[in-house]
Amino acid sequence: MLEERSAGAILYRESPTGRLYLLLNYPSGHWDFVKGNIEKGEALKQTVLREIREETGITDVSFIDGFEDKVEYHYQREEGLVHKEVAFFLAKTSTEHVEISHEHLGFIWLGFNDALQKLTYKNAQNLMKKVRKLGFEA
């Protein structure tokens, strides 16, 4: 079985209407957080900052201390079954404008409950629920 490691972020910003979370629309049609493969020599948070910059154009990112979680899943590639592990962090930005990369179909900023409903996969929904359970959700 192939092994793959990635890192990503539950990225949010404050708005006049409350906290908004960024979700990306991936080519397969699902909605999820910013994430990407860890490159050789990169620390997890370096990967997250690079992926946010590459996938959204956002560069003003600060990590929220006390939130780090991991999801694991399997998916099929031509070379065989892949076991993927993704480390997620909670991060804040003040940037509203997103320059979506060629890797995605679109993006949306949503409040907590709407983001929870829009997320396609249960493991991503569970991450959002942990944000709320740990008191990070405003």
C-alpha atoms as a PDB file:
ATOM      1  CA  MET A   1       0.000   0.000   0.000  1.00  0.00           C
ATOM      2  CA  LEU A   2       1.223   3.480  -0.844  1.00  0.00           C
ATOM      3  CA  GLU A   3       1.597   6.085   1.907  1.00  0.00           C
ATOM      4  CA  GLU A   4       0.889   9.791   1.482  1.00  0.00           C
ATOM      5  CA  ARG A   5       1.153  12.635   4.004  1.00  0.00           C
ATOM      6  CA  SER A   6      -0.446  16.036   3.661  1.00  0.00           C
ATOM      7  CA  ALA A   7      -1.176  19.082   5.778  1.00  0.00           C
ATOM      8  CA  GLY A   8      -3.996  21.580   5.636  1.00  0.00           C
ATOM      9  CA  ALA A   9      -5.915  24.273   7.439  1.00  0.00           C
ATOM     10  CA  ILE A  10      -9.360  25.165   8.583  1.00  0.00           C
ATOM     11  CA  LEU A  11      -8.923  28.772   7.476  1.00  0.00           C
ATOM     12  CA  TYR A  12     -11.256  31.501   8.711  1.00  0.00           C
ATOM     13  CA  ARG A  13     -11.650  35.258   8.753  1.00  0.00           C
ATOM     14  CA  GLU A  14     -13.742  37.629  10.806  1.00  0.00           C
ATOM     15  CA  SER A  15     -16.470  39.569   8.978  1.00  0.00           C
ATOM     16  CA  PRO A  16     -19.157  42.036  10.073  1.00  0.00           C
ATOM     17  CA  THR A  17     -21.617  39.119  10.095  1.00  0.00           C
ATOM     18  CA  GLY A  18     -19.341  36.795  12.106  1.00  0.00           C
ATOM     19  CA  ARG A  19     -16.638  34.217  11.507  1.00  0.00           C
ATOM     20  CA  LEU A  20     -16.441  32.801   7.972  1.00  0.00           C
ATOM     21  CA  TYR A  21     -14.634  29.604   6.935  1.00  0.00           C
ATOM     22  CA  LEU A  22     -13.004  29.006   3.555  1.00  0.00           C
ATOM     23  CA  LEU A  23     -13.990  25.901   1.606  1.00  0.00           C
ATOM     24  CA  LEU A  24     -12.569  24.889  -1.759  1.00  0.00           C
ATOM     25  CA  ASN A  25     -14.380  23.011  -4.519  1.00  0.00           C
ATOM     26  CA  TYR A  26     -12.104  20.219  -5.765  1.00  0.00           C
ATOM     27  CA  PRO A  27     -12.210  18.838  -9.344  1.00  0.00           C
ATOM     28  CA  SER A  28     -13.916  15.640  -8.188  1.00  0.00           C
ATOM     29  CA  GLY A  29     -16.776  17.878  -7.032  1.00  0.00           C
ATOM     30  CA  HIS A  30     -16.280  17.711  -3.276  1.00  0.00           C
ATOM     31  CA  TRP A  31     -15.924  20.658  -0.878  1.00  0.00           C
ATOM     32  CA  ASP A  32     -13.062  20.591   1.600  1.00  0.00           C
ATOM     33  CA  PHE A  33     -10.393  22.665   3.347  1.00  0.00           C
ATOM     34  CA  VAL A  34      -7.082  23.835   1.881  1.00  0.00           C
ATOM     35  CA  LYS A  35      -4.574  20.990   1.971  1.00  0.00           C
ATOM     36  CA  GLY A  36      -1.677  19.506   0.053  1.00  0.00           C
ATOM     37  CA  ASN A  37       1.183  17.069   0.060  1.00  0.00           C
ATOM     38  CA  ILE A  38       4.179  17.687   2.289  1.00  0.00           C
ATOM     39  CA  GLU A  39       7.290  18.339   0.218  1.00  0.00           C
ATOM     40  CA  LYS A  40      10.668  16.926   1.178  1.00  0.00           C
ATOM     41  CA  GLY A  41      12.208  18.877   4.054  1.00  0.00           C
ATOM     42  CA  GLU A  42       9.029  20.807   4.890  1.00  0.00           C
ATOM     43  CA  ALA A  43       7.566  21.083   8.363  1.00  0.00           C
ATOM     44  CA  LEU A  44       3.785  20.667   8.618  1.00  0.00           C
ATOM     45  CA  LYS A  45       3.043  24.364   9.101  1.00  0.00           C
ATOM     46  CA  GLN A  46       5.377  25.288   6.232  1.00  0.00           C
ATOM     47  CA  THR A  47       3.312  23.006   3.999  1.00  0.00           C
ATOM     48  CA  VAL A  48       0.092  24.637   5.171  1.00  0.00           C
ATOM     49  CA  LEU A  49       1.380  28.156   4.489  1.00  0.00           C
ATOM     50  CA  ARG A  50       2.647  27.137   1.030  1.00  0.00           C
ATOM     51  CA  GLU A  51      -0.605  25.390   0.125  1.00  0.00           C
ATOM     52  CA  ILE A  52      -2.738  28.327   1.275  1.00  0.00           C
ATOM     53  CA  ARG A  53      -0.598  30.695  -0.815  1.00  0.00           C
ATOM     54  CA  GLU A  54      -0.613  28.410  -3.894  1.00  0.00           C
ATOM     55  CA  GLU A  55      -4.303  27.491  -3.756  1.00  0.00           C
ATOM     56  CA  THR A  56      -5.817  30.815  -2.656  1.00  0.00           C
ATOM     57  CA  GLY A  57      -3.226  33.587  -2.999  1.00  0.00           C
ATOM     58  CA  ILE A  58      -3.638  34.352   0.719  1.00  0.00           C
ATOM     59  CA  THR A  59      -0.387  35.152   2.516  1.00  0.00           C
ATOM     60  CA  ASP A  60      -1.463  36.695   5.851  1.00  0.00           C
ATOM     61  CA  VAL A  61      -2.056  33.591   7.917  1.00  0.00           C
ATOM     62  CA  SER A  62      -1.648  33.046  11.642  1.00  0.00           C
ATOM     63  CA  PHE A  63      -2.071  29.714  13.351  1.00  0.00           C
ATOM     64  CA  ILE A  64      -4.359  29.379  16.368  1.00  0.00           C
ATOM     65  CA  ASP A  65      -2.498  27.696  19.213  1.00  0.00           C
ATOM     66  CA  GLY A  66      -4.083  24.608  20.692  1.00  0.00           C
ATOM     67  CA  PHE A  67      -5.713  23.122  17.601  1.00  0.00           C
ATOM     68  CA  GLU A  68      -4.055  20.361  15.604  1.00  0.00           C
ATOM     69  CA  ASP A  69      -5.824  17.240  14.447  1.00  0.00           C
ATOM     70  CA  LYS A  70      -5.324  14.422  11.976  1.00  0.00           C
ATOM     71  CA  VAL A  71      -7.558  12.538   9.561  1.00  0.00           C
ATOM     72  CA  GLU A  72      -6.770   9.308   7.775  1.00  0.00           C
ATOM     73  CA  TYR A  73      -8.421   7.706   4.796  1.00  0.00           C
ATOM     74  CA  HIS A  74      -7.779   5.473   1.782  1.00  0.00           C
ATOM     75  CA  TYR A  75      -8.257   6.180  -1.896  1.00  0.00           C
ATOM     76  CA  GLN A  76      -7.462   4.431  -5.163  1.00  0.00           C
ATOM     77  CA  ARG A  77      -4.818   5.587  -7.643  1.00  0.00           C
ATOM     78  CA  GLU A  78      -3.590   3.859 -10.794  1.00  0.00           C
ATOM     79  CA  GLU A  79      -0.584   2.563  -8.827  1.00  0.00           C
ATOM     80  CA  GLY A  80      -2.817   1.051  -6.150  1.00  0.00           C
ATOM     81  CA  LEU A  81      -4.481   1.791  -2.851  1.00  0.00           C
ATOM     82  CA  VAL A  82      -3.181   4.845  -0.973  1.00  0.00           C
ATOM     83  CA  HIS A  83      -3.293   5.370   2.783  1.00  0.00           C
ATOM     84  CA  LYS A  84      -3.411   9.137   3.331  1.00  0.00           C
ATOM     85  CA  GLU A  85      -2.801  10.996   6.570  1.00  0.00           C
ATOM     86  CA  VAL A  86      -3.585  14.721   6.755  1.00  0.00           C
ATOM     87  CA  ALA A  87      -2.617  16.986   9.658  1.00  0.00           C
ATOM     88  CA  PHE A  88      -4.975  19.965  10.063  1.00  0.00           C
ATOM     89  CA  PHE A  89      -4.465  23.252  11.868  1.00  0.00           C
ATOM     90  CA  LEU A  90      -6.827  26.103  12.638  1.00  0.00           C
ATOM     91  CA  ALA A  91      -5.642  29.333  11.022  1.00  0.00           C
ATOM     92  CA  LYS A  92      -6.863  32.903  10.691  1.00  0.00           C
ATOM     93  CA  THR A  93      -6.551  35.446   7.897  1.00  0.00           C
ATOM     94  CA  SER A  94      -7.818  38.980   7.386  1.00  0.00           C
ATOM     95  CA  THR A  95      -7.865  38.550   3.594  1.00  0.00           C
ATOM     96  CA  GLU A  96     -11.257  38.257   1.934  1.00  0.00           C
ATOM     97  CA  HIS A  97     -10.073  38.116  -1.690  1.00  0.00           C
ATOM     98  CA  VAL A  98      -9.218  34.638  -2.964  1.00  0.00           C
ATOM     99  CA  GLU A  99      -7.296  33.911  -6.155  1.00  0.00           C
ATOM    100  CA  ILE A 100      -8.297  30.309  -6.741  1.00  0.00           C
ATOM    101  CA  SER A 101      -5.632  28.080  -8.333  1.00  0.00           C
ATOM    102  CA  HIS A 102      -6.046  25.832 -11.357  1.00  0.00           C
ATOM    103  CA  GLU A 103      -6.324  22.927  -8.889  1.00  0.00           C
ATOM    104  CA  HIS A 104      -9.857  23.919  -7.856  1.00  0.00           C
ATOM    105  CA  LEU A 105     -13.219  24.734  -9.398  1.00  0.00           C
ATOM    106  CA  GLY A 106     -14.221  27.407  -6.898  1.00  0.00           C
ATOM    107  CA  PHE A 107     -14.340  28.593  -3.315  1.00  0.00           C
ATOM    108  CA  ILE A 108     -16.806  29.916  -0.776  1.00  0.00           C
ATOM    109  CA  TRP A 109     -16.659  31.695   2.594  1.00  0.00           C
ATOM    110  CA  LEU A 110     -19.372  30.358   4.914  1.00  0.00           C
ATOM    111  CA  GLY A 111     -20.461  30.697   8.520  1.00  0.00           C
ATOM    112  CA  PHE A 112     -19.945  27.720  10.808  1.00  0.00           C
ATOM    113  CA  ASN A 113     -23.274  25.924  10.307  1.00  0.00           C
ATOM    114  CA  ASP A 114     -23.343  26.480   6.546  1.00  0.00           C
ATOM    115  CA  ALA A 115     -19.732  25.322   6.226  1.00  0.00           C
ATOM    116  CA  LEU A 116     -20.525  22.224   8.249  1.00  0.00           C
ATOM    117  CA  GLN A 117     -23.368  21.380   5.851  1.00  0.00           C
ATOM    118  CA  LYS A 118     -21.357  22.192   2.695  1.00  0.00           C
ATOM    119  CA  LEU A 119     -18.372  19.982   3.567  1.00  0.00           C
ATOM    120  CA  THR A 120     -18.656  16.763   1.572  1.00  0.00           C
ATOM    121  CA  TYR A 121     -16.801  14.286   3.760  1.00  0.00           C
ATOM    122  CA  LYS A 122     -17.622  13.189   7.276  1.00  0.00           C
ATOM    123  CA  ASN A 123     -13.984  13.487   8.449  1.00  0.00           C
ATOM    124  CA  ALA A 124     -13.981  17.189   7.436  1.00  0.00           C
ATOM    125  CA  GLN A 125     -17.321  17.715   9.187  1.00  0.00           C
ATOM    126  CA  ASN A 126     -15.876  16.080  12.292  1.00  0.00           C
ATOM    127  CA  LEU A 127     -12.938  18.519  12.221  1.00  0.00           C
ATOM    128  CA  MET A 128     -15.391  21.434  12.191  1.00  0.00           C
ATOM    129  CA  LYS A 129     -17.271  19.912  15.109  1.00  0.00           C
ATOM    130  CA  LYS A 130     -13.982  19.656  17.038  1.00  0.00           C
ATOM    131  CA  VAL A 131     -13.356  23.357  16.391  1.00  0.00           C
ATOM    132  CA  ARG A 132     -16.699  24.091  18.050  1.00  0.00           C
ATOM    133  CA  LYS A 133     -16.278  21.538  20.848  1.00  0.00           C
ATOM    134  CA  LEU A 134     -12.898  22.987  21.821  1.00  0.00           C
ATOM    135  CA  GLY A 135     -14.363  26.462  21.982  1.00  0.00           C
ATOM    136  CA  PHE A 136     -12.595  27.893  18.933  1.00  0.00           C
ATOM    137  CA  GLU A 137     -15.837  28.606  17.065  1.00  0.00           C
ATOM    138  CA  ALA A 138     -17.258  32.071  17.684  1.00  0.00           C
END
